[in-house]
Amino acid sequence: MEDDALAAALELLHTLWRLHDERPGKPCTLARLSKQAGLPMSALRRQLLPLAEAGWVVLQLEEGGVAGTVALSVAGQELCRALH
């Protein structure tokens, strides 16, 4: 992963960790995460896919891939806990 991509992934994980603390056990809508992270939806989805492939987030996309939810996986929660 390039430095910029790594920094973006870590920032996104940080945002998800904060949202997880605010609403434990509840997934976040992509629209809410997009707003909280200050990212357009297309960029958000591109950044979430590698995190989902790594097993750090659980990404549920609705048909068409425009809407959906995301939550930290158990592994993602452990990673965020270790980073904080």
N, C-alpha and C. Protein backbone atom coordinates (compact mmCIF):
# COMPACT_ATOMS: atom_id res chain seq x y z
N MET A 1 0.85 -1.17 0.00
CA MET A 1 0.00 0.00 0.00
C MET A 1 0.89 1.24 0.00
N GLU A 2 0.57 2.19 -0.85
CA GLU A 2 1.33 3.43 -0.89
C GLU A 2 1.06 4.24 0.37
N ASP A 3 1.97 5.17 0.67
CA ASP A 3 1.84 5.98 1.89
C ASP A 3 0.51 6.73 1.95
N ASP A 4 0.10 7.34 0.83
CA ASP A 4 -1.15 8.10 0.80
C ASP A 4 -2.35 7.18 1.03
N ALA A 5 -2.32 6.01 0.39
CA ALA A 5 -3.42 5.06 0.54
C ALA A 5 -3.47 4.52 1.97
N LEU A 6 -2.31 4.28 2.55
CA LEU A 6 -2.26 3.80 3.93
C LEU A 6 -2.79 4.86 4.89
N ALA A 7 -2.39 6.10 4.68
CA ALA A 7 -2.87 7.20 5.54
C ALA A 7 -4.39 7.34 5.41
N ALA A 8 -4.91 7.23 4.19
CA ALA A 8 -6.35 7.34 3.97
C ALA A 8 -7.09 6.19 4.65
N ALA A 9 -6.54 4.98 4.56
CA ALA A 9 -7.16 3.82 5.19
C ALA A 9 -7.17 3.97 6.71
N LEU A 10 -6.08 4.43 7.27
CA LEU A 10 -6.01 4.63 8.72
C LEU A 10 -6.99 5.71 9.18
N GLU A 11 -7.12 6.77 8.41
CA GLU A 11 -8.07 7.83 8.75
C GLU A 11 -9.50 7.31 8.70
N LEU A 12 -9.80 6.50 7.70
CA LEU A 12 -11.13 5.93 7.58
C LEU A 12 -11.41 4.97 8.74
N LEU A 13 -10.43 4.16 9.11
CA LEU A 13 -10.59 3.27 10.27
C LEU A 13 -10.81 4.08 11.55
N HIS A 14 -10.09 5.19 11.69
CA HIS A 14 -10.26 6.06 12.85
C HIS A 14 -11.70 6.60 12.91
N THR A 15 -12.22 7.02 11.77
CA THR A 15 -13.59 7.53 11.71
C THR A 15 -14.58 6.44 12.07
N LEU A 16 -14.37 5.23 11.54
CA LEU A 16 -15.25 4.11 11.87
C LEU A 16 -15.17 3.76 13.35
N TRP A 17 -13.99 3.84 13.93
CA TRP A 17 -13.81 3.55 15.35
C TRP A 17 -14.60 4.56 16.20
N ARG A 18 -14.52 5.84 15.82
CA ARG A 18 -15.26 6.87 16.54
C ARG A 18 -16.76 6.63 16.42
N LEU A 19 -17.23 6.30 15.22
CA LEU A 19 -18.65 6.02 15.03
C LEU A 19 -19.08 4.76 15.77
N HIS A 20 -18.19 3.78 15.85
CA HIS A 20 -18.46 2.55 16.60
C HIS A 20 -18.64 2.89 18.08
N ASP A 21 -17.81 3.77 18.60
CA ASP A 21 -17.93 4.19 20.01
C ASP A 21 -19.25 4.92 20.27
N GLU A 22 -19.69 5.71 19.29
CA GLU A 22 -20.92 6.47 19.45
C GLU A 22 -22.15 5.57 19.41
N ARG A 23 -22.09 4.53 18.59
CA ARG A 23 -23.25 3.64 18.40
C ARG A 23 -22.77 2.19 18.36
N PRO A 24 -22.34 1.64 19.51
CA PRO A 24 -21.80 0.28 19.54
C PRO A 24 -22.79 -0.75 18.99
N GLY A 25 -22.25 -1.64 18.17
CA GLY A 25 -23.06 -2.73 17.64
C GLY A 25 -23.97 -2.37 16.49
N LYS A 26 -23.97 -1.11 16.08
CA LYS A 26 -24.84 -0.69 14.98
C LYS A 26 -23.99 -0.32 13.76
N PRO A 27 -24.33 -0.87 12.60
CA PRO A 27 -23.59 -0.48 11.40
C PRO A 27 -23.88 0.97 11.03
N CYS A 28 -22.99 1.53 10.28
CA CYS A 28 -23.10 2.91 9.83
C CYS A 28 -23.51 2.91 8.36
N THR A 29 -24.39 3.81 7.98
CA THR A 29 -24.73 3.91 6.56
C THR A 29 -23.55 4.50 5.81
N LEU A 30 -23.44 4.14 4.55
CA LEU A 30 -22.37 4.71 3.73
C LEU A 30 -22.53 6.22 3.62
N ALA A 31 -23.77 6.70 3.56
CA ALA A 31 -24.01 8.15 3.47
C ALA A 31 -23.47 8.86 4.71
N ARG A 32 -23.73 8.30 5.88
CA ARG A 32 -23.24 8.92 7.12
C ARG A 32 -21.72 8.90 7.17
N LEU A 33 -21.12 7.75 6.82
CA LEU A 33 -19.67 7.65 6.83
C LEU A 33 -19.05 8.61 5.82
N SER A 34 -19.67 8.73 4.65
CA SER A 34 -19.18 9.65 3.63
C SER A 34 -19.14 11.08 4.18
N LYS A 35 -20.19 11.47 4.86
CA LYS A 35 -20.27 12.82 5.44
C LYS A 35 -19.24 12.99 6.56
N GLN A 36 -19.16 12.01 7.46
CA GLN A 36 -18.24 12.09 8.60
C GLN A 36 -16.78 12.10 8.15
N ALA A 37 -16.47 11.33 7.10
CA ALA A 37 -15.10 11.23 6.62
C ALA A 37 -14.75 12.33 5.62
N GLY A 38 -15.77 13.06 5.16
CA GLY A 38 -15.53 14.12 4.19
C GLY A 38 -15.09 13.59 2.83
N LEU A 39 -15.65 12.43 2.46
CA LEU A 39 -15.28 11.79 1.19
C LEU A 39 -16.50 11.65 0.29
N PRO A 40 -16.31 11.84 -1.01
CA PRO A 40 -17.42 11.53 -1.92
C PRO A 40 -17.67 10.02 -1.88
N MET A 41 -18.88 9.63 -2.18
CA MET A 41 -19.28 8.23 -2.09
C MET A 41 -18.38 7.31 -2.94
N SER A 42 -18.00 7.74 -4.12
CA SER A 42 -17.16 6.90 -4.98
C SER A 42 -15.79 6.65 -4.34
N ALA A 43 -15.20 7.67 -3.77
CA ALA A 43 -13.90 7.52 -3.10
C ALA A 43 -14.04 6.66 -1.85
N LEU A 44 -15.13 6.83 -1.13
CA LEU A 44 -15.37 6.04 0.07
C LEU A 44 -15.44 4.56 -0.27
N ARG A 45 -16.21 4.22 -1.29
CA ARG A 45 -16.33 2.80 -1.68
C ARG A 45 -14.98 2.24 -2.11
N ARG A 46 -14.20 3.01 -2.86
CA ARG A 46 -12.86 2.54 -3.28
C ARG A 46 -11.97 2.28 -2.07
N GLN A 47 -12.07 3.11 -1.05
CA GLN A 47 -11.23 2.94 0.14
C GLN A 47 -11.73 1.82 1.04
N LEU A 48 -13.03 1.57 1.02
CA LEU A 48 -13.59 0.52 1.87
C LEU A 48 -13.31 -0.89 1.34
N LEU A 49 -13.24 -1.05 0.03
CA LEU A 49 -13.06 -2.39 -0.54
C LEU A 49 -11.81 -3.10 -0.03
N PRO A 50 -10.62 -2.46 -0.02
CA PRO A 50 -9.46 -3.17 0.52
C PRO A 50 -9.57 -3.46 2.01
N LEU A 51 -10.26 -2.58 2.75
CA LEU A 51 -10.46 -2.82 4.18
C LEU A 51 -11.38 -4.02 4.40
N ALA A 52 -12.37 -4.17 3.54
CA ALA A 52 -13.27 -5.32 3.62
C ALA A 52 -12.52 -6.59 3.23
N GLU A 53 -11.70 -6.52 2.18
CA GLU A 53 -10.92 -7.68 1.74
C GLU A 53 -9.92 -8.11 2.81
N ALA A 54 -9.40 -7.16 3.58
CA ALA A 54 -8.47 -7.47 4.66
C ALA A 54 -9.19 -8.04 5.88
N GLY A 55 -10.53 -7.93 5.89
CA GLY A 55 -11.30 -8.44 7.01
C GLY A 55 -11.47 -7.46 8.16
N TRP A 56 -11.17 -6.19 7.94
CA TRP A 56 -11.26 -5.20 9.00
C TRP A 56 -12.63 -4.54 9.08
N VAL A 57 -13.37 -4.56 7.99
CA VAL A 57 -14.73 -4.01 7.99
C VAL A 57 -15.68 -5.01 7.34
N VAL A 58 -16.94 -4.90 7.74
CA VAL A 58 -18.01 -5.68 7.11
C VAL A 58 -18.81 -4.68 6.28
N LEU A 59 -18.78 -4.88 4.97
CA LEU A 59 -19.41 -3.96 4.03
C LEU A 59 -20.60 -4.65 3.40
N GLN A 60 -21.77 -4.06 3.54
CA GLN A 60 -23.00 -4.57 2.94
C GLN A 60 -23.50 -3.54 1.95
N LEU A 61 -23.40 -3.86 0.66
CA LEU A 61 -23.87 -2.95 -0.37
C LEU A 61 -25.24 -3.39 -0.85
N GLU A 62 -26.14 -2.44 -1.03
CA GLU A 62 -27.45 -2.74 -1.59
C GLU A 62 -27.30 -2.89 -3.09
N GLU A 63 -28.30 -3.41 -3.73
CA GLU A 63 -28.26 -3.62 -5.17
C GLU A 63 -27.91 -2.32 -5.88
N GLY A 64 -26.98 -2.37 -6.77
CA GLY A 64 -26.50 -1.18 -7.47
C GLY A 64 -25.25 -0.59 -6.82
N GLY A 65 -24.95 -0.98 -5.59
CA GLY A 65 -23.73 -0.56 -4.92
C GLY A 65 -23.68 0.87 -4.47
N VAL A 66 -24.81 1.59 -4.54
CA VAL A 66 -24.80 3.00 -4.18
C VAL A 66 -25.03 3.19 -2.68
N ALA A 67 -25.92 2.41 -2.12
CA ALA A 67 -26.23 2.54 -0.69
C ALA A 67 -25.79 1.26 0.02
N GLY A 68 -25.71 1.36 1.33
CA GLY A 68 -25.35 0.19 2.11
C GLY A 68 -24.90 0.59 3.50
N THR A 69 -24.32 -0.38 4.20
CA THR A 69 -23.83 -0.14 5.55
C THR A 69 -22.43 -0.70 5.69
N VAL A 70 -21.75 -0.21 6.71
CA VAL A 70 -20.39 -0.67 7.01
C VAL A 70 -20.24 -0.68 8.52
N ALA A 71 -19.48 -1.65 9.00
CA ALA A 71 -19.18 -1.74 10.43
C ALA A 71 -17.79 -2.34 10.57
N LEU A 72 -17.13 -2.02 11.66
CA LEU A 72 -15.86 -2.66 11.96
C LEU A 72 -16.11 -4.12 12.28
N SER A 73 -15.29 -5.00 11.73
CA SER A 73 -15.35 -6.41 12.10
C SER A 73 -14.68 -6.56 13.46
N VAL A 74 -14.71 -7.75 14.01
CA VAL A 74 -14.02 -8.00 15.28
C VAL A 74 -12.54 -7.72 15.10
N ALA A 75 -11.97 -8.17 13.97
CA ALA A 75 -10.55 -7.91 13.70
C ALA A 75 -10.28 -6.42 13.56
N GLY A 76 -11.20 -5.69 12.93
CA GLY A 76 -11.06 -4.25 12.79
C GLY A 76 -11.13 -3.53 14.12
N GLN A 77 -12.01 -4.01 15.00
CA GLN A 77 -12.11 -3.42 16.33
C GLN A 77 -10.81 -3.65 17.11
N GLU A 78 -10.27 -4.86 17.00
CA GLU A 78 -9.01 -5.17 17.69
C GLU A 78 -7.88 -4.32 17.15
N LEU A 79 -7.83 -4.14 15.82
CA LEU A 79 -6.80 -3.30 15.21
C LEU A 79 -6.91 -1.87 15.72
N CYS A 80 -8.12 -1.31 15.70
CA CYS A 80 -8.33 0.07 16.15
C CYS A 80 -7.98 0.22 17.62
N ARG A 81 -8.36 -0.76 18.41
CA ARG A 81 -8.02 -0.72 19.85
C ARG A 81 -6.50 -0.68 20.04
N ALA A 82 -5.79 -1.48 19.24
CA ALA A 82 -4.32 -1.53 19.35
C ALA A 82 -3.69 -0.22 18.87
N LEU A 83 -4.31 0.44 17.90
CA LEU A 83 -3.75 1.68 17.36
C LEU A 83 -4.02 2.87 18.27
N HIS A 84 -5.00 2.76 19.16
CA HIS A 84 -5.34 3.88 20.05
C HIS A 84 -4.72 3.68 21.35
